[in-house]
Amino acid sequence: MIYLEVRWIHNLSDEPELIVSELDNDRNEIRKVEIFKNNRKGYADKDDSVNGSCLSEIPIPIVEEINSDNQFMAKEISRERFEEIWNERHF
């Protein structure tokens, strides 16, 4: 598994500023949490889609490719950090 945190730098109130994903070895999203500037959260997994969040239908690019666009700052995170964010998604 791969765990990814992507900060999206923008001024759009209806788009997340932080996207945290769990990816399989083919880089397909399994679970995702999106956090907005007003602390609203959306999340998705194979069974649920909340507050407009949904899993990507295509594999997620590698960190270097994401970071080649200066509006994104991506990094891999630990499974423990992902689980912490996932477990707080309802708050």
N, C-alpha and C. Protein backbone atom coordinates (compact mmCIF):
# COMPACT_ATOMS: atom_id res chain seq x y z
N MET A 1 0.83 -1.19 0.00
CA MET A 1 0.00 0.00 0.00
C MET A 1 0.88 1.26 0.00
N ILE A 2 0.33 2.29 -0.57
CA ILE A 2 0.99 3.59 -0.64
C ILE A 2 0.04 4.60 -0.01
N TYR A 3 0.58 5.50 0.78
CA TYR A 3 -0.24 6.54 1.44
C TYR A 3 0.29 7.89 1.00
N LEU A 4 -0.62 8.73 0.54
CA LEU A 4 -0.24 9.97 -0.10
C LEU A 4 -1.01 11.14 0.48
N GLU A 5 -0.30 12.25 0.69
CA GLU A 5 -0.91 13.50 1.12
C GLU A 5 -0.60 14.55 0.06
N VAL A 6 -1.64 15.20 -0.44
CA VAL A 6 -1.47 16.21 -1.47
C VAL A 6 -2.12 17.51 -1.00
N ARG A 7 -1.33 18.56 -0.91
CA ARG A 7 -1.84 19.89 -0.61
C ARG A 7 -2.08 20.60 -1.94
N TRP A 8 -3.31 21.12 -2.11
CA TRP A 8 -3.68 21.81 -3.35
C TRP A 8 -3.74 23.29 -3.03
N ILE A 9 -2.90 24.08 -3.65
CA ILE A 9 -2.80 25.52 -3.38
C ILE A 9 -3.72 26.25 -4.34
N HIS A 10 -4.80 26.80 -3.81
CA HIS A 10 -5.80 27.48 -4.64
C HIS A 10 -6.66 28.39 -3.76
N ASN A 11 -7.55 29.14 -4.39
CA ASN A 11 -8.48 30.02 -3.68
C ASN A 11 -9.93 29.62 -3.92
N LEU A 12 -10.18 28.36 -4.18
CA LEU A 12 -11.53 27.87 -4.48
C LEU A 12 -12.18 27.35 -3.21
N SER A 13 -13.29 27.95 -2.81
CA SER A 13 -13.93 27.55 -1.55
C SER A 13 -14.63 26.20 -1.64
N ASP A 14 -14.95 25.74 -2.84
CA ASP A 14 -15.68 24.50 -2.99
C ASP A 14 -14.80 23.31 -3.38
N GLU A 15 -13.48 23.47 -3.28
CA GLU A 15 -12.54 22.39 -3.57
C GLU A 15 -11.66 22.14 -2.35
N PRO A 16 -11.24 20.88 -2.14
CA PRO A 16 -10.40 20.57 -0.97
C PRO A 16 -9.02 21.19 -1.08
N GLU A 17 -8.44 21.49 0.08
CA GLU A 17 -7.06 21.96 0.09
C GLU A 17 -6.09 20.86 0.50
N LEU A 18 -6.61 19.78 1.07
CA LEU A 18 -5.77 18.65 1.44
C LEU A 18 -6.49 17.37 1.03
N ILE A 19 -5.76 16.51 0.31
CA ILE A 19 -6.31 15.23 -0.15
C ILE A 19 -5.37 14.15 0.35
N VAL A 20 -5.91 13.20 1.09
CA VAL A 20 -5.11 12.14 1.67
C VAL A 20 -5.68 10.81 1.16
N SER A 21 -4.82 10.01 0.53
CA SER A 21 -5.30 8.80 -0.13
C SER A 21 -4.51 7.57 0.26
N GLU A 22 -5.22 6.45 0.28
CA GLU A 22 -4.60 5.13 0.38
C GLU A 22 -4.68 4.53 -1.02
N LEU A 23 -3.53 4.09 -1.54
CA LEU A 23 -3.46 3.55 -2.89
C LEU A 23 -3.00 2.10 -2.85
N ASP A 24 -3.51 1.31 -3.80
CA ASP A 24 -2.99 -0.04 -3.92
C ASP A 24 -1.68 0.00 -4.71
N ASN A 25 -1.08 -1.14 -4.95
CA ASN A 25 0.23 -1.17 -5.62
C ASN A 25 0.17 -0.72 -7.07
N ASP A 26 -1.02 -0.65 -7.65
CA ASP A 26 -1.20 -0.12 -9.00
C ASP A 26 -1.57 1.36 -8.98
N ARG A 27 -1.53 1.96 -7.79
CA ARG A 27 -1.79 3.39 -7.55
C ARG A 27 -3.26 3.77 -7.72
N ASN A 28 -4.15 2.78 -7.58
CA ASN A 28 -5.59 3.06 -7.57
C ASN A 28 -6.02 3.40 -6.15
N GLU A 29 -6.88 4.41 -6.03
CA GLU A 29 -7.35 4.81 -4.70
C GLU A 29 -8.26 3.75 -4.09
N ILE A 30 -8.02 3.48 -2.81
CA ILE A 30 -8.85 2.57 -2.05
C ILE A 30 -9.71 3.35 -1.06
N ARG A 31 -9.07 4.33 -0.42
CA ARG A 31 -9.77 5.24 0.50
C ARG A 31 -9.20 6.63 0.31
N LYS A 32 -10.04 7.64 0.59
CA LYS A 32 -9.60 9.03 0.42
C LYS A 32 -10.33 9.91 1.42
N VAL A 33 -9.62 10.91 1.95
CA VAL A 33 -10.21 11.96 2.78
C VAL A 33 -9.84 13.29 2.13
N GLU A 34 -10.83 14.18 2.00
CA GLU A 34 -10.59 15.52 1.48
C GLU A 34 -10.97 16.52 2.56
N ILE A 35 -10.09 17.48 2.81
CA ILE A 35 -10.31 18.49 3.85
C ILE A 35 -10.32 19.86 3.19
N PHE A 36 -11.36 20.63 3.48
CA PHE A 36 -11.56 21.93 2.88
C PHE A 36 -11.07 23.03 3.83
N LYS A 37 -10.92 24.24 3.31
CA LYS A 37 -10.41 25.37 4.10
C LYS A 37 -11.26 25.64 5.34
N ASN A 38 -12.57 25.38 5.26
CA ASN A 38 -13.46 25.61 6.39
C ASN A 38 -13.54 24.38 7.31
N ASN A 39 -12.62 23.43 7.14
CA ASN A 39 -12.54 22.18 7.89
C ASN A 39 -13.64 21.18 7.58
N ARG A 40 -14.46 21.46 6.57
CA ARG A 40 -15.43 20.46 6.11
C ARG A 40 -14.62 19.30 5.54
N LYS A 41 -15.13 18.09 5.74
CA LYS A 41 -14.42 16.91 5.27
C LYS A 41 -15.34 16.08 4.39
N GLY A 42 -14.76 15.52 3.38
CA GLY A 42 -15.42 14.52 2.55
C GLY A 42 -14.55 13.29 2.56
N TYR A 43 -15.16 12.15 2.29
CA TYR A 43 -14.36 10.94 2.20
C TYR A 43 -15.05 9.93 1.29
N ALA A 44 -14.26 8.98 0.84
CA ALA A 44 -14.79 7.94 -0.03
C ALA A 44 -13.99 6.66 0.17
N ASP A 45 -14.69 5.55 0.01
CA ASP A 45 -14.07 4.24 -0.11
C ASP A 45 -14.96 3.44 -1.07
N LYS A 46 -14.77 2.15 -1.17
CA LYS A 46 -15.54 1.39 -2.15
C LYS A 46 -17.03 1.34 -1.82
N ASP A 47 -17.39 1.61 -0.56
CA ASP A 47 -18.79 1.52 -0.14
C ASP A 47 -19.47 2.88 0.05
N ASP A 48 -18.71 3.93 0.35
CA ASP A 48 -19.30 5.22 0.70
C ASP A 48 -18.66 6.36 -0.08
N SER A 49 -19.46 7.40 -0.27
CA SER A 49 -18.98 8.65 -0.87
C SER A 49 -19.72 9.76 -0.13
N VAL A 50 -18.99 10.59 0.61
CA VAL A 50 -19.59 11.59 1.49
C VAL A 50 -19.10 12.98 1.12
N ASN A 51 -20.02 13.95 1.09
CA ASN A 51 -19.72 15.36 0.80
C ASN A 51 -19.04 15.56 -0.55
N GLY A 52 -19.47 14.78 -1.53
CA GLY A 52 -18.97 14.96 -2.89
C GLY A 52 -17.66 14.29 -3.21
N SER A 53 -17.04 13.67 -2.24
CA SER A 53 -15.77 12.97 -2.50
C SER A 53 -16.04 11.65 -3.22
N CYS A 54 -15.13 11.28 -4.10
CA CYS A 54 -15.23 9.98 -4.77
C CYS A 54 -13.82 9.50 -5.11
N LEU A 55 -13.69 8.21 -5.26
CA LEU A 55 -12.40 7.66 -5.62
C LEU A 55 -12.10 7.95 -7.08
N SER A 56 -10.85 8.16 -7.38
CA SER A 56 -10.42 8.40 -8.75
C SER A 56 -10.64 7.14 -9.58
N GLU A 57 -11.03 7.32 -10.82
CA GLU A 57 -11.24 6.19 -11.72
C GLU A 57 -9.95 5.80 -12.45
N ILE A 58 -8.91 6.60 -12.29
CA ILE A 58 -7.62 6.30 -12.93
C ILE A 58 -6.53 6.27 -11.86
N PRO A 59 -5.43 5.57 -12.12
CA PRO A 59 -4.33 5.53 -11.15
C PRO A 59 -3.78 6.93 -10.86
N ILE A 60 -3.34 7.13 -9.63
CA ILE A 60 -2.79 8.40 -9.18
C ILE A 60 -1.32 8.48 -9.59
N PRO A 61 -0.89 9.59 -10.17
CA PRO A 61 0.52 9.72 -10.59
C PRO A 61 1.48 9.63 -9.41
N ILE A 62 2.75 9.42 -9.72
CA ILE A 62 3.78 9.39 -8.68
C ILE A 62 3.99 10.81 -8.15
N VAL A 63 4.59 10.90 -6.97
CA VAL A 63 4.79 12.17 -6.28
C VAL A 63 5.50 13.19 -7.16
N GLU A 64 6.54 12.78 -7.84
CA GLU A 64 7.32 13.71 -8.67
C GLU A 64 6.46 14.30 -9.78
N GLU A 65 5.60 13.50 -10.35
CA GLU A 65 4.72 14.00 -11.42
C GLU A 65 3.69 14.98 -10.86
N ILE A 66 3.11 14.66 -9.71
CA ILE A 66 2.16 15.58 -9.08
C ILE A 66 2.85 16.90 -8.77
N ASN A 67 4.05 16.82 -8.20
CA ASN A 67 4.78 18.02 -7.79
C ASN A 67 5.33 18.84 -8.97
N SER A 68 5.26 18.29 -10.16
CA SER A 68 5.71 19.06 -11.33
C SER A 68 4.74 20.20 -11.65
N ASP A 69 3.54 20.14 -11.08
CA ASP A 69 2.56 21.23 -11.20
C ASP A 69 2.65 22.03 -9.90
N ASN A 70 3.04 23.31 -9.99
CA ASN A 70 3.32 24.09 -8.78
C ASN A 70 2.10 24.40 -7.92
N GLN A 71 0.91 24.00 -8.34
CA GLN A 71 -0.24 24.19 -7.46
C GLN A 71 -0.45 23.01 -6.51
N PHE A 72 0.41 21.98 -6.63
CA PHE A 72 0.30 20.81 -5.76
C PHE A 72 1.61 20.55 -5.03
N MET A 73 1.48 20.09 -3.78
CA MET A 73 2.62 19.66 -2.98
C MET A 73 2.27 18.29 -2.42
N ALA A 74 2.87 17.26 -2.99
CA ALA A 74 2.56 15.89 -2.60
C ALA A 74 3.73 15.24 -1.87
N LYS A 75 3.38 14.32 -0.98
CA LYS A 75 4.39 13.53 -0.30
C LYS A 75 3.76 12.23 0.18
N GLU A 76 4.59 11.21 0.29
CA GLU A 76 4.12 9.96 0.87
C GLU A 76 4.12 10.12 2.39
N ILE A 77 3.13 9.49 3.01
CA ILE A 77 3.02 9.52 4.47
C ILE A 77 2.94 8.08 4.98
N SER A 78 3.03 7.92 6.27
CA SER A 78 2.97 6.58 6.86
C SER A 78 1.53 6.07 6.92
N ARG A 79 1.41 4.76 7.01
CA ARG A 79 0.08 4.15 7.18
C ARG A 79 -0.57 4.68 8.45
N GLU A 80 0.22 4.84 9.51
CA GLU A 80 -0.31 5.32 10.78
C GLU A 80 -0.90 6.73 10.63
N ARG A 81 -0.19 7.59 9.92
CA ARG A 81 -0.70 8.96 9.70
C ARG A 81 -1.99 8.92 8.89
N PHE A 82 -2.04 8.09 7.84
CA PHE A 82 -3.27 7.98 7.06
C PHE A 82 -4.41 7.51 7.95
N GLU A 83 -4.19 6.48 8.74
CA GLU A 83 -5.26 5.94 9.61
C GLU A 83 -5.75 6.99 10.60
N GLU A 84 -4.84 7.80 11.11
CA GLU A 84 -5.23 8.88 12.03
C GLU A 84 -6.20 9.84 11.33
N ILE A 85 -5.87 10.24 10.12
CA ILE A 85 -6.74 11.15 9.37
C ILE A 85 -8.05 10.46 9.01
N TRP A 86 -7.98 9.20 8.57
CA TRP A 86 -9.18 8.45 8.21
C TRP A 86 -10.12 8.33 9.41
N ASN A 87 -9.57 8.04 10.57
CA ASN A 87 -10.40 7.87 11.77
C ASN A 87 -11.02 9.16 12.25
N GLU A 88 -10.48 10.32 11.83
CA GLU A 88 -11.03 11.62 12.21
C GLU A 88 -11.96 12.20 11.14
N ARG A 89 -12.26 11.45 10.09
CA ARG A 89 -13.01 11.98 8.94
C ARG A 89 -14.43 12.41 9.28
N HIS A 90 -15.00 11.89 10.34
CA HIS A 90 -16.38 12.23 10.72
C HIS A 90 -16.49 13.53 11.49
N PHE A 91 -15.37 14.05 11.98
CA PHE A 91 -15.40 15.21 12.87
C PHE A 91 -15.35 16.50 12.11
